[in-house]
PDB file of N, CA and C in Angstrom:
ATOM      1  N   MET A   1      49.366 -43.384 -75.455  1.00  0.00           N
ATOM      2  CA  MET A   1      50.038 -44.378 -76.276  1.00  0.00           C
ATOM      3  C   MET A   1      48.991 -45.132 -77.090  1.00  0.00           C
ATOM      4  N   ALA A   2      49.194 -45.213 -78.363  1.00  0.00           N
ATOM      5  CA  ALA A   2      48.244 -45.866 -79.256  1.00  0.00           C
ATOM      6  C   ALA A   2      48.280 -47.373 -79.033  1.00  0.00           C
ATOM      7  N   LYS A   3      47.085 -47.957 -79.055  1.00  0.00           N
ATOM      8  CA  LYS A   3      46.961 -49.401 -78.872  1.00  0.00           C
ATOM      9  C   LYS A   3      47.368 -50.104 -80.164  1.00  0.00           C
ATOM     10  N   LYS A   4      48.204 -51.136 -80.039  1.00  0.00           N
ATOM     11  CA  LYS A   4      48.654 -51.884 -81.204  1.00  0.00           C
ATOM     12  C   LYS A   4      47.703 -53.040 -81.457  1.00  0.00           C
ATOM     13  N   TYR A   5      47.309 -53.203 -82.712  1.00  0.00           N
ATOM     14  CA  TYR A   5      46.450 -54.312 -83.098  1.00  0.00           C
ATOM     15  C   TYR A   5      47.281 -55.324 -83.873  1.00  0.00           C
ATOM     16  N   TYR A   6      47.119 -56.570 -83.528  1.00  0.00           N
ATOM     17  CA  TYR A   6      47.819 -57.634 -84.229  1.00  0.00           C
ATOM     18  C   TYR A   6      46.822 -58.346 -85.128  1.00  0.00           C
ATOM     19  N   LEU A   7      47.015 -58.173 -86.418  1.00  0.00           N
ATOM     20  CA  LEU A   7      46.112 -58.772 -87.393  1.00  0.00           C
ATOM     21  C   LEU A   7      46.555 -60.190 -87.727  1.00  0.00           C
ATOM     22  N   LYS A   8      45.578 -61.037 -88.014  1.00  0.00           N
ATOM     23  CA  LYS A   8      45.874 -62.407 -88.421  1.00  0.00           C
ATOM     24  C   LYS A   8      46.565 -62.415 -89.785  1.00  0.00           C
ATOM     25  N   ARG A   9      46.201 -61.439 -90.609  1.00  0.00           N
ATOM     26  CA  ARG A   9      46.783 -61.314 -91.950  1.00  0.00           C
ATOM     27  C   ARG A   9      47.317 -59.879 -92.103  1.00  0.00           C
ATOM     28  N   PRO A  10      48.518 -59.627 -91.652  1.00  0.00           N
ATOM     29  CA  PRO A  10      49.013 -58.247 -91.637  1.00  0.00           C
ATOM     30  C   PRO A  10      49.513 -57.730 -92.987  1.00  0.00           C
ATOM     31  N   ILE A  11      49.727 -58.599 -93.948  1.00  0.00           N
ATOM     32  CA  ILE A  11      50.286 -58.165 -95.232  1.00  0.00           C
ATOM     33  C   ILE A  11      49.157 -57.753 -96.166  1.00  0.00           C
ATOM     34  N   GLU A  12      49.271 -56.534 -96.690  1.00  0.00           N
ATOM     35  CA  GLU A  12      48.243 -56.004 -97.589  1.00  0.00           C
ATOM     36  C   GLU A  12      48.861 -55.780 -98.965  1.00  0.00           C
ATOM     37  N   LYS A  13      48.158 -56.227 -99.999  1.00  0.00           N
ATOM     38  CA  LYS A  13      48.589 -56.012-101.380  1.00  0.00           C
ATOM     39  C   LYS A  13      47.469 -55.318-102.133  1.00  0.00           C
ATOM     40  N   LYS A  14      47.834 -54.446-103.050  1.00  0.00           N
ATOM     41  CA  LYS A  14      46.837 -53.734-103.844  1.00  0.00           C
ATOM     42  C   LYS A  14      46.883 -54.234-105.278  1.00  0.00           C
ATOM     43  N   VAL A  15      45.719 -54.200-105.911  1.00  0.00           N
ATOM     44  CA  VAL A  15      45.622 -54.620-107.300  1.00  0.00           C
ATOM     45  C   VAL A  15      44.655 -53.669-108.001  1.00  0.00           C
ATOM     46  N   ARG A  16      44.883 -53.411-109.276  1.00  0.00           N
ATOM     47  CA  ARG A  16      44.029 -52.487-110.030  1.00  0.00           C
ATOM     48  C   ARG A  16      43.328 -53.232-111.157  1.00  0.00           C
ATOM     49  N   PHE A  17      42.077 -52.810-111.436  1.00  0.00           N
ATOM     50  CA  PHE A  17      41.274 -53.418-112.493  1.00  0.00           C
ATOM     51  C   PHE A  17      40.690 -52.338-113.382  1.00  0.00           C
ATOM     52  N   SER A  18      40.447 -52.692-114.636  1.00  0.00           N
ATOM     53  CA  SER A  18      39.677 -51.800-115.510  1.00  0.00           C
ATOM     54  C   SER A  18      38.210 -51.933-115.109  1.00  0.00           C
ATOM     55  N   ASP A  19      37.358 -51.052-115.617  1.00  0.00           N
ATOM     56  CA  ASP A  19      35.927 -51.135-115.311  1.00  0.00           C
ATOM     57  C   ASP A  19      35.339 -52.468-115.769  1.00  0.00           C
ATOM     58  N   GLU A  20      35.742 -52.900-116.954  1.00  0.00           N
ATOM     59  CA  GLU A  20      35.224 -54.162-117.489  1.00  0.00           C
ATOM     60  C   GLU A  20      35.672 -55.351-116.640  1.00  0.00           C
ATOM     61  N   GLU A  21      36.939 -55.334-116.254  1.00  0.00           N
ATOM     62  CA  GLU A  21      37.443 -56.421-115.410  1.00  0.00           C
ATOM     63  C   GLU A  21      36.707 -56.464-114.075  1.00  0.00           C
ATOM     64  N   TRP A  22      36.500 -55.290-113.489  1.00  0.00           N
ATOM     65  CA  TRP A  22      35.837 -55.237-112.185  1.00  0.00           C
ATOM     66  C   TRP A  22      34.390 -55.718-112.280  1.00  0.00           C
ATOM     67  N   GLU A  23      33.684 -55.377-113.351  1.00  0.00           N
ATOM     68  CA  GLU A  23      32.308 -55.863-113.527  1.00  0.00           C
ATOM     69  C   GLU A  23      32.294 -57.385-113.639  1.00  0.00           C
ATOM     70  N   TYR A  24      33.244 -57.928-114.379  1.00  0.00           N
ATOM     71  CA  TYR A  24      33.359 -59.383-114.529  1.00  0.00           C
ATOM     72  C   TYR A  24      33.623 -60.040-113.167  1.00  0.00           C
ATOM     73  N   ILE A  25      34.537 -59.469-112.407  1.00  0.00           N
ATOM     74  CA  ILE A  25      34.880 -60.015-111.088  1.00  0.00           C
ATOM     75  C   ILE A  25      33.694 -59.920-110.135  1.00  0.00           C
ATOM     76  N   LYS A  26      32.953 -58.819-110.175  1.00  0.00           N
ATOM     77  CA  LYS A  26      31.784 -58.674-109.292  1.00  0.00           C
ATOM     78  C   LYS A  26      30.761 -59.774-109.545  1.00  0.00           C
ATOM     79  N   VAL A  27      30.550 -60.108-110.815  1.00  0.00           N
ATOM     80  CA  VAL A  27      29.614 -61.191-111.156  1.00  0.00           C
ATOM     81  C   VAL A  27      30.125 -62.515-110.581  1.00  0.00           C
ATOM     82  N   LYS A  28      31.424 -62.764-110.715  1.00  0.00           N
ATOM     83  CA  LYS A  28      32.015 -63.992-110.178  1.00  0.00           C
ATOM     84  C   LYS A  28      31.862 -64.058-108.655  1.00  0.00           C
ATOM     85  N   ILE A  29      32.063 -62.942-107.984  1.00  0.00           N
ATOM     86  CA  ILE A  29      31.929 -62.907-106.519  1.00  0.00           C
ATOM     87  C   ILE A  29      30.489 -63.185-106.117  1.00  0.00           C
ATOM     88  N   GLU A  30      29.528 -62.591-106.832  1.00  0.00           N
ATOM     89  CA  GLU A  30      28.114 -62.800-106.509  1.00  0.00           C
ATOM     90  C   GLU A  30      27.709 -64.260-106.667  1.00  0.00           C
ATOM     91  N   LYS A  31      28.303 -64.961-107.626  1.00  0.00           N
ATOM     92  CA  LYS A  31      27.987 -66.374-107.848  1.00  0.00           C
ATOM     93  C   LYS A  31      28.730 -67.287-106.875  1.00  0.00           C
ATOM     94  N   SER A  32      29.727 -66.751-106.205  1.00  0.00           N
ATOM     95  CA  SER A  32      30.535 -67.551-105.283  1.00  0.00           C
ATOM     96  C   SER A  32      29.896 -67.545-103.891  1.00  0.00           C
ATOM     97  N   PRO A  33      30.396 -68.403-102.997  1.00  0.00           N
ATOM     98  CA  PRO A  33      29.874 -68.385-101.625  1.00  0.00           C
ATOM     99  C   PRO A  33      30.385 -67.197-100.809  1.00  0.00           C
ATOM    100  N   PHE A  34      31.245 -66.379-101.380  1.00  0.00           N
ATOM    101  CA  PHE A  34      31.819 -65.246-100.661  1.00  0.00           C
ATOM    102  C   PHE A  34      31.049 -63.967-100.939  1.00  0.00           C
ATOM    103  N   LYS A  35      31.070 -63.078 -99.985  1.00  0.00           N
ATOM    104  CA  LYS A  35      30.333 -61.824-100.136  1.00  0.00           C
ATOM    105  C   LYS A  35      31.253 -60.625-100.328  1.00  0.00           C
ATOM    106  N   ASN A  36      32.566 -60.854-100.292  1.00  0.00           N
ATOM    107  CA  ASN A  36      33.469 -59.727-100.516  1.00  0.00           C
ATOM    108  C   ASN A  36      34.685 -60.165-101.334  1.00  0.00           C
ATOM    109  N   PHE A  37      35.321 -59.190-101.920  1.00  0.00           N
ATOM    110  CA  PHE A  37      36.451 -59.449-102.809  1.00  0.00           C
ATOM    111  C   PHE A  37      37.626 -60.082-102.074  1.00  0.00           C
ATOM    112  N   GLN A  38      37.898 -59.620-100.862  1.00  0.00           N
ATOM    113  CA  GLN A  38      39.068 -60.100-100.128  1.00  0.00           C
ATOM    114  C   GLN A  38      39.047 -61.614 -99.944  1.00  0.00           C
ATOM    115  N   ASN A  39      37.950 -62.145 -99.449  1.00  0.00           N
ATOM    116  CA  ASN A  39      37.867 -63.591 -99.225  1.00  0.00           C
ATOM    117  C   ASN A  39      37.882 -64.364-100.542  1.00  0.00           C
ATOM    118  N   PHE A  40      37.165 -63.840-101.532  1.00  0.00           N
ATOM    119  CA  PHE A  40      37.129 -64.464-102.856  1.00  0.00           C
ATOM    120  C   PHE A  40      38.538 -64.538-103.441  1.00  0.00           C
ATOM    121  N   ALA A  41      39.231 -63.418-103.462  1.00  0.00           N
ATOM    122  CA  ALA A  41      40.558 -63.348-104.077  1.00  0.00           C
ATOM    123  C   ALA A  41      41.568 -64.201-103.315  1.00  0.00           C
ATOM    124  N   ARG A  42      41.521 -64.164-101.987  1.00  0.00           N
ATOM    125  CA  ARG A  42      42.480 -64.934-101.199  1.00  0.00           C
ATOM    126  C   ARG A  42      42.355 -66.433-101.509  1.00  0.00           C
ATOM    127  N   LEU A  43      41.127 -66.956-101.497  1.00  0.00           N
ATOM    128  CA  LEU A  43      40.945 -68.384-101.765  1.00  0.00           C
ATOM    129  C   LEU A  43      41.329 -68.727-103.205  1.00  0.00           C
ATOM    130  N   LEU A  44      40.967 -67.867-104.130  1.00  0.00           N
ATOM    131  CA  LEU A  44      41.291 -68.119-105.533  1.00  0.00           C
ATOM    132  C   LEU A  44      42.803 -68.133-105.754  1.00  0.00           C
ATOM    133  N   ILE A  45      43.504 -67.220-105.136  1.00  0.00           N
ATOM    134  CA  ILE A  45      44.960 -67.161-105.306  1.00  0.00           C
ATOM    135  C   ILE A  45      45.639 -68.353-104.633  1.00  0.00           C
ATOM    136  N   ILE A  46      45.174 -68.722-103.451  1.00  0.00           N
ATOM    137  CA  ILE A  46      45.815 -69.811-102.708  1.00  0.00           C
ATOM    138  C   ILE A  46      45.498 -71.174-103.312  1.00  0.00           C
ATOM    139  N   THR A  47      44.240 -71.429-103.631  1.00  0.00           N
ATOM    140  CA  THR A  47      43.852 -72.769-104.099  1.00  0.00           C
ATOM    141  C   THR A  47      43.746 -72.865-105.612  1.00  0.00           C
ATOM    142  N   GLY A  48      43.582 -71.744-106.275  1.00  0.00           N
ATOM    143  CA  GLY A  48      43.458 -71.750-107.727  1.00  0.00           C
ATOM    144  C   GLY A  48      42.054 -72.002-108.225  1.00  0.00           C
ATOM    145  N   GLU A  49      41.078 -72.158-107.313  1.00  0.00           N
ATOM    146  CA  GLU A  49      39.706 -72.398-107.761  1.00  0.00           C
ATOM    147  C   GLU A  49      38.692 -71.963-106.705  1.00  0.00           C
ATOM    148  N   ILE A  50      37.509 -71.644-107.199  1.00  0.00           N
ATOM    149  CA  ILE A  50      36.352 -71.356-106.354  1.00  0.00           C
ATOM    150  C   ILE A  50      35.268 -72.318-106.806  1.00  0.00           C
ATOM    151  N   LYS A  51      34.728 -73.105-105.888  1.00  0.00           N
ATOM    152  CA  LYS A  51      33.674 -74.058-106.241  1.00  0.00           C
ATOM    153  C   LYS A  51      32.316 -73.465-105.915  1.00  0.00           C
ATOM    154  N   ASN A  52      31.440 -73.493-106.904  1.00  0.00           N
ATOM    155  CA  ASN A  52      30.053 -73.095-106.696  1.00  0.00           C
ATOM    156  C   ASN A  52      29.230 -74.363-106.517  1.00  0.00           C
ATOM    157  N   VAL A  53      28.457 -74.415-105.453  1.00  0.00           N
ATOM    158  CA  VAL A  53      27.651 -75.595-105.152  1.00  0.00           C
ATOM    159  C   VAL A  53      26.194 -75.290-105.459  1.00  0.00           C
ATOM    160  N   ASP A  54      25.555 -76.198-106.205  1.00  0.00           N
ATOM    161  CA  ASP A  54      24.138 -76.060-106.539  1.00  0.00           C
ATOM    162  C   ASP A  54      23.318 -76.750-105.451  1.00  0.00           C
ATOM    163  N   TYR A  55      22.557 -75.950-104.706  1.00  0.00           N
ATOM    164  CA  TYR A  55      21.769 -76.486-103.602  1.00  0.00           C
ATOM    165  C   TYR A  55      20.324 -76.792-103.989  1.00  0.00           C
ATOM    166  N   SER A  56      19.987 -76.734-105.269  1.00  0.00           N
ATOM    167  CA  SER A  56      18.591 -76.926-105.667  1.00  0.00           C
ATOM    168  C   SER A  56      18.088 -78.322-105.310  1.00  0.00           C
ATOM    169  N   GLN A  57      18.940 -79.342-105.442  1.00  0.00           N
ATOM    170  CA  GLN A  57      18.520 -80.693-105.062  1.00  0.00           C
ATOM    171  C   GLN A  57      18.266 -80.781-103.564  1.00  0.00           C
ATOM    172  N   LEU A  58      19.077 -80.090-102.787  1.00  0.00           N
ATOM    173  CA  LEU A  58      18.906 -80.143-101.340  1.00  0.00           C
ATOM    174  C   LEU A  58      17.631 -79.449-100.894  1.00  0.00           C
ATOM    175  N   ILE A  59      17.186 -78.448-101.637  1.00  0.00           N
ATOM    176  CA  ILE A  59      15.928 -77.779-101.301  1.00  0.00           C
ATOM    177  C   ILE A  59      14.773 -78.760-101.453  1.00  0.00           C
ATOM    178  N   GLY A  60      14.765 -79.524-102.549  1.00  0.00           N
ATOM    179  CA  GLY A  60      13.730 -80.539-102.744  1.00  0.00           C
ATOM    180  C   GLY A  60      13.801 -81.613-101.680  1.00  0.00           C
ATOM    181  N   LEU A  61      15.008 -82.011-101.319  1.00  0.00           N
ATOM    182  CA  LEU A  61      15.184 -83.017-100.276  1.00  0.00           C
ATOM    183  C   LEU A  61      14.673 -82.491 -98.941  1.00  0.00           C
ATOM    184  N   ASN A  62      14.942 -81.243 -98.654  1.00  0.00           N
ATOM    185  CA  ASN A  62      14.467 -80.637 -97.412  1.00  0.00           C
ATOM    186  C   ASN A  62      12.939 -80.639 -97.354  1.00  0.00           C
ATOM    187  N   GLN A  63      12.296 -80.355 -98.470  1.00  0.00           N
ATOM    188  CA  GLN A  63      10.832 -80.374 -98.511  1.00  0.00           C
ATOM    189  C   GLN A  63      10.302 -81.784 -98.270  1.00  0.00           C
ATOM    190  N   GLU A  64      10.981 -82.779 -98.822  1.00  0.00           N
ATOM    191  CA  GLU A  64      10.564 -84.174 -98.626  1.00  0.00           C
ATOM    192  C   GLU A  64      10.735 -84.588 -97.168  1.00  0.00           C
ATOM    193  N   VAL A  65      11.838 -84.184 -96.555  1.00  0.00           N
ATOM    194  CA  VAL A  65      12.061 -84.478 -95.135  1.00  0.00           C
ATOM    195  C   VAL A  65      10.968 -83.831 -94.288  1.00  0.00           C
ATOM    196  N   ALA A  66      10.604 -82.609 -94.616  1.00  0.00           N
ATOM    197  CA  ALA A  66       9.542 -81.918 -93.873  1.00  0.00           C
ATOM    198  C   ALA A  66       8.214 -82.649 -94.019  1.00  0.00           C
ATOM    199  N   ARG A  67       7.923 -83.148 -95.219  1.00  0.00           N
ATOM    200  CA  ARG A  67       6.668 -83.870 -95.445  1.00  0.00           C
ATOM    201  C   ARG A  67       6.613 -85.151 -94.612  1.00  0.00           C
ATOM    202  N   VAL A  68       7.707 -85.917 -94.637  1.00  0.00           N
ATOM    203  CA  VAL A  68       7.748 -87.158 -93.860  1.00  0.00           C
ATOM    204  C   VAL A  68       7.676 -86.847 -92.367  1.00  0.00           C
ATOM    205  N   GLY A  69       8.381 -85.827 -91.937  1.00  0.00           N
ATOM    206  CA  GLY A  69       8.327 -85.431 -90.526  1.00  0.00           C
ATOM    207  C   GLY A  69       6.929 -85.043 -90.107  1.00  0.00           C
ATOM    208  N   ASN A  70       6.216 -84.349 -90.968  1.00  0.00           N
ATOM    209  CA  ASN A  70       4.836 -83.956 -90.682  1.00  0.00           C
ATOM    210  C   ASN A  70       3.947 -85.193 -90.539  1.00  0.00           C
ATOM    211  N   ASN A  71       4.117 -86.173 -91.438  1.00  0.00           N
ATOM    212  CA  ASN A  71       3.343 -87.415 -91.347  1.00  0.00           C
ATOM    213  C   ASN A  71       3.622 -88.145 -90.038  1.00  0.00           C
ATOM    214  N   ILE A  72       4.880 -88.215 -89.660  1.00  0.00           N
ATOM    215  CA  ILE A  72       5.243 -88.890 -88.408  1.00  0.00           C
ATOM    216  C   ILE A  72       4.622 -88.167 -87.217  1.00  0.00           C
ATOM    217  N   ASN A  73       4.671 -86.847 -87.218  1.00  0.00           N
ATOM    218  CA  ASN A  73       4.075 -86.078 -86.117  1.00  0.00           C
ATOM    219  C   ASN A  73       2.572 -86.302 -86.027  1.00  0.00           C
ATOM    220  N   GLN A  74       1.895 -86.326 -87.167  1.00  0.00           N
ATOM    221  CA  GLN A  74       0.449 -86.557 -87.155  1.00  0.00           C
ATOM    222  C   GLN A  74       0.118 -87.933 -86.591  1.00  0.00           C
ATOM    223  N   MET A  75       0.874 -88.941 -87.000  1.00  0.00           N
ATOM    224  CA  MET A  75       0.609 -90.289 -86.493  1.00  0.00           C
ATOM    225  C   MET A  75       0.959 -90.402 -85.013  1.00  0.00           C
ATOM    226  N   ALA A  76       2.007 -89.726 -84.587  1.00  0.00           N
ATOM    227  CA  ALA A  76       2.360 -89.743 -83.162  1.00  0.00           C
ATOM    228  C   ALA A  76       1.254 -89.091 -82.336  1.00  0.00           C
ATOM    229  N   ARG A  77       0.683 -87.988 -82.840  1.00  0.00           N
ATOM    230  CA  ARG A  77      -0.431 -87.338 -82.132  1.00  0.00           C
ATOM    231  C   ARG A  77      -1.624 -88.276 -82.010  1.00  0.00           C
ATOM    232  N   LEU A  78      -1.947 -88.951 -83.111  1.00  0.00           N
ATOM    233  CA  LEU A  78      -3.071 -89.893 -83.084  1.00  0.00           C
ATOM    234  C   LEU A  78      -2.789 -91.063 -82.142  1.00  0.00           C
ATOM    235  N   ALA A  79      -1.549 -91.565 -82.176  1.00  0.00           N
ATOM    236  CA  ALA A  79      -1.194 -92.675 -81.289  1.00  0.00           C
ATOM    237  C   ALA A  79      -1.312 -92.250 -79.830  1.00  0.00           C
ATOM    238  N   ASN A  80      -0.894 -91.031 -79.513  1.00  0.00           N
ATOM    239  CA  ASN A  80      -1.022 -90.540 -78.137  1.00  0.00           C
ATOM    240  C   ASN A  80      -2.478 -90.319 -77.758  1.00  0.00           C
ATOM    241  N   GLN A  81      -3.250 -89.815 -78.688  1.00  0.00           N
ATOM    242  CA  GLN A  81      -4.659 -89.518 -78.413  1.00  0.00           C
ATOM    243  C   GLN A  81      -5.458 -90.799 -78.176  1.00  0.00           C
ATOM    244  N   PHE A  82      -5.244 -91.796 -79.024  1.00  0.00           N
ATOM    245  CA  PHE A  82      -6.033 -93.028 -78.929  1.00  0.00           C
ATOM    246  C   PHE A  82      -5.281 -94.158 -78.227  1.00  0.00           C
ATOM    247  N   LYS A  83      -4.055 -93.896 -77.805  1.00  0.00           N
ATOM    248  CA  LYS A  83      -3.222 -94.862 -77.085  1.00  0.00           C
ATOM    249  C   LYS A  83      -2.948 -96.138 -77.889  1.00  0.00           C
ATOM    250  N   GLU A  84      -2.956 -96.020 -79.207  1.00  0.00           N
ATOM    251  CA  GLU A  84      -2.606 -97.165 -80.052  1.00  0.00           C
ATOM    252  C   GLU A  84      -2.234 -96.675 -81.445  1.00  0.00           C
ATOM    253  N   ILE A  85      -1.524 -97.533 -82.162  1.00  0.00           N
ATOM    254  CA  ILE A  85      -1.175 -97.252 -83.552  1.00  0.00           C
ATOM    255  C   ILE A  85      -1.264 -98.576 -84.308  1.00  0.00           C
ATOM    256  N   SER A  86      -1.787 -98.530 -85.506  1.00  0.00           N
ATOM    257  CA  SER A  86      -2.006 -99.768 -86.265  1.00  0.00           C
ATOM    258  C   SER A  86      -0.702-100.262 -86.884  1.00  0.00           C
ATOM    259  N   PRO A  87      -0.588-101.570 -87.088  1.00  0.00           N
ATOM    260  CA  PRO A  87       0.599-102.116 -87.767  1.00  0.00           C
ATOM    261  C   PRO A  87       0.768-101.537 -89.173  1.00  0.00           C
ATOM    262  N   GLU A  88      -0.350-101.224 -89.847  1.00  0.00           N
ATOM    263  CA  GLU A  88      -0.270-100.634 -91.191  1.00  0.00           C
ATOM    264  C   GLU A  88       0.389 -99.258 -91.137  1.00  0.00           C
ATOM    265  N   ASP A  89       0.039 -98.478 -90.112  1.00  0.00           N
ATOM    266  CA  ASP A  89       0.647 -97.155 -89.957  1.00  0.00           C
ATOM    267  C   ASP A  89       2.147 -97.276 -89.694  1.00  0.00           C
ATOM    268  N   ILE A  90       2.515 -98.251 -88.878  1.00  0.00           N
ATOM    269  CA  ILE A  90       3.936 -98.460 -88.590  1.00  0.00           C
ATOM    270  C   ILE A  90       4.679 -98.846 -89.867  1.00  0.00           C
ATOM    271  N   GLN A  91       4.109 -99.748 -90.658  1.00  0.00           N
ATOM    272  CA  GLN A  91       4.740-100.158 -91.915  1.00  0.00           C
ATOM    273  C   GLN A  91       4.853 -98.980 -92.885  1.00  0.00           C
ATOM    274  N   TYR A  92       3.818 -98.149 -92.918  1.00  0.00           N
ATOM    275  CA  TYR A  92       3.838 -96.961 -93.773  1.00  0.00           C
ATOM    276  C   TYR A  92       4.991 -96.039 -93.368  1.00  0.00           C
ATOM    277  N   LEU A  93       5.136 -95.812 -92.077  1.00  0.00           N
ATOM    278  CA  LEU A  93       6.211 -94.938 -91.599  1.00  0.00           C
ATOM    279  C   LEU A  93       7.584 -95.533 -91.907  1.00  0.00           C
ATOM    280  N   ILE A  94       7.725 -96.836 -91.738  1.00  0.00           N
ATOM    281  CA  ILE A  94       9.004 -97.484 -92.037  1.00  0.00           C
ATOM    282  C   ILE A  94       9.350 -97.309 -93.514  1.00  0.00           C
ATOM    283  N   LYS A  95       8.368 -97.492 -94.395  1.00  0.00           N
ATOM    284  CA  LYS A  95       8.610 -97.318 -95.837  1.00  0.00           C
ATOM    285  C   LYS A  95       8.981 -95.873 -96.162  1.00  0.00           C
ATOM    286  N   GLU A  96       8.295 -94.924 -95.529  1.00  0.00           N
ATOM    287  CA  GLU A  96       8.596 -93.504 -95.765  1.00  0.00           C
ATOM    288  C   GLU A  96      10.023 -93.169 -95.334  1.00  0.00           C
ATOM    289  N   VAL A  97      10.415 -93.662 -94.166  1.00  0.00           N
ATOM    290  CA  VAL A  97      11.760 -93.383 -93.666  1.00  0.00           C
ATOM    291  C   VAL A  97      12.809 -94.047 -94.560  1.00  0.00           C
ATOM    292  N   GLU A  98      12.564 -95.275 -95.008  1.00  0.00           N
ATOM    293  CA  GLU A  98      13.505 -95.956 -95.903  1.00  0.00           C
ATOM    294  C   GLU A  98      13.631 -95.208 -97.232  1.00  0.00           C
ATOM    295  N   ALA A  99      12.516 -94.738 -97.766  1.00  0.00           N
ATOM    296  CA  ALA A  99      12.557 -93.962 -99.014  1.00  0.00           C
ATOM    297  C   ALA A  99      13.351 -92.677 -98.811  1.00  0.00           C
ATOM    298  N   LEU A 100      13.158 -92.050 -97.665  1.00  0.00           N
ATOM    299  CA  LEU A 100      13.873 -90.819 -97.347  1.00  0.00           C
ATOM    300  C   LEU A 100      15.375 -91.086 -97.230  1.00  0.00           C
ATOM    301  N   LYS A 101      15.739 -92.182 -96.595  1.00  0.00           N
ATOM    302  CA  LYS A 101      17.159 -92.546 -96.497  1.00  0.00           C
ATOM    303  C   LYS A 101      17.762 -92.722 -97.889  1.00  0.00           C
ATOM    304  N   GLY A 102      17.019 -93.379 -98.776  1.00  0.00           N
ATOM    305  CA  GLY A 102      17.499 -93.568-100.139  1.00  0.00           C
ATOM    306  C   GLY A 102      17.710 -92.248-100.856  1.00  0.00           C
ATOM    307  N   MET A 103      16.774 -91.322-100.689  1.00  0.00           N
ATOM    308  CA  MET A 103      16.908 -90.005-101.322  1.00  0.00           C
ATOM    309  C   MET A 103      18.126 -89.273-100.785  1.00  0.00           C
ATOM    310  N   VAL A 104      18.330 -89.325 -99.482  1.00  0.00           N
ATOM    311  CA  VAL A 104      19.487 -88.662 -98.879  1.00  0.00           C
ATOM    312  C   VAL A 104      20.775 -89.284 -99.424  1.00  0.00           C
ATOM    313  N   ARG A 105      20.832 -90.607 -99.466  1.00  0.00           N
ATOM    314  CA  ARG A 105      22.008 -91.315 -99.977  1.00  0.00           C
ATOM    315  C   ARG A 105      22.296 -90.901-101.421  1.00  0.00           C
ATOM    316  N   GLU A 106      21.259 -90.864-102.265  1.00  0.00           N
ATOM    317  CA  GLU A 106      21.440 -90.470-103.669  1.00  0.00           C
ATOM    318  C   GLU A 106      21.967 -89.046-103.785  1.00  0.00           C
ATOM    319  N   ASN A 107      21.403 -88.135-102.992  1.00  0.00           N
ATOM    320  CA  ASN A 107      21.842 -86.742-103.046  1.00  0.00           C
ATOM    321  C   ASN A 107      23.282 -86.594-102.578  1.00  0.00           C
ATOM    322  N   ILE A 108      23.659 -87.316-101.552  1.00  0.00           N
ATOM    323  CA  ILE A 108      25.038 -87.249-101.064  1.00  0.00           C
ATOM    324  C   ILE A 108      25.993 -87.810-102.112  1.00  0.00           C
ATOM    325  N   ASN A 109      25.648 -88.949-102.705  1.00  0.00           N
ATOM    326  CA  ASN A 109      26.502 -89.532-103.746  1.00  0.00           C
ATOM    327  C   ASN A 109      26.642 -88.598-104.940  1.00  0.00           C
ATOM    328  N   GLU A 110      25.559 -87.957-105.339  1.00  0.00           N
ATOM    329  CA  GLU A 110      25.598 -87.013-106.458  1.00  0.00           C
ATOM    330  C   GLU A 110      26.485 -85.817-106.129  1.00  0.00           C
ATOM    331  N   ALA A 111      26.394 -85.325-104.898  1.00  0.00           N
ATOM    332  CA  ALA A 111      27.228 -84.194-104.484  1.00  0.00           C
ATOM    333  C   ALA A 111      28.706 -84.577-104.512  1.00  0.00           C
ATOM    334  N   PHE A 112      29.037 -85.789-104.067  1.00  0.00           N
ATOM    335  CA  PHE A 112      30.428 -86.242-104.112  1.00  0.00           C
ATOM    336  C   PHE A 112      30.925 -86.340-105.546  1.00  0.00           C
ATOM    337  N   LYS A 113      30.090 -86.862-106.437  1.00  0.00           N
ATOM    338  CA  LYS A 113      30.481 -86.972-107.847  1.00  0.00           C
ATOM    339  C   LYS A 113      30.768 -85.596-108.440  1.00  0.00           C
ATOM    340  N   GLN A 114      29.901 -84.626-108.141  1.00  0.00           N
ATOM    341  CA  GLN A 114      30.082 -83.274-108.675  1.00  0.00           C
ATOM    342  C   GLN A 114      31.351 -82.640-108.129  1.00  0.00           C
ATOM    343  N   ASN A 115      31.643 -82.848-106.852  1.00  0.00           N
ATOM    344  CA  ASN A 115      32.837 -82.248-106.257  1.00  0.00           C
ATOM    345  C   ASN A 115      34.119 -82.878-106.776  1.00  0.00           C
ATOM    346  N   ARG A 116      34.044 -84.129-107.202  1.00  0.00           N
ATOM    347  CA  ARG A 116      35.220 -84.801-107.762  1.00  0.00           C
ATOM    348  C   ARG A 116      35.382 -84.515-109.247  1.00  0.00           C
ATOM    349  N   GLY A 117      34.394 -83.821-109.810  1.00  0.00           N
ATOM    350  CA  GLY A 117      34.467 -83.493-111.232  1.00  0.00           C
ATOM    351  C   GLY A 117      33.990 -84.611-112.126  1.00  0.00           C
ATOM    352  N   GLY A 118      33.251 -85.575-111.559  1.00  0.00           N
ATOM    353  CA  GLY A 118      32.838 -86.703-112.369  1.00  0.00           C
ATOM    354  C   GLY A 118      31.389 -86.731-112.562  1.00  0.00           C
TER     355      GLY A 118
END
């Protein structure tokens, strides 16, 4: 007896494209967060839009976070080695963390503006 499989999406529909249409769609899929036509088409048909998110700002932010984290680790190593840390070093770290918080806040606000279309 054949085993029955219950699919989450059992309804299948077929669609045909010309070569030019398919090339255009392939480019759109590559630019989207999806890696296959099925997911791309399903979301596009249901919601009417596919949002492409530009992560270039987040890459720069990630590098800045790594730099500040590296500075904190170096100072923590020195503090452990010499069993002390100077007030100037503490103030420097506080300023770095505050600057980092500001950058994160700006990037989040910018992302919200872009997603709202403003």
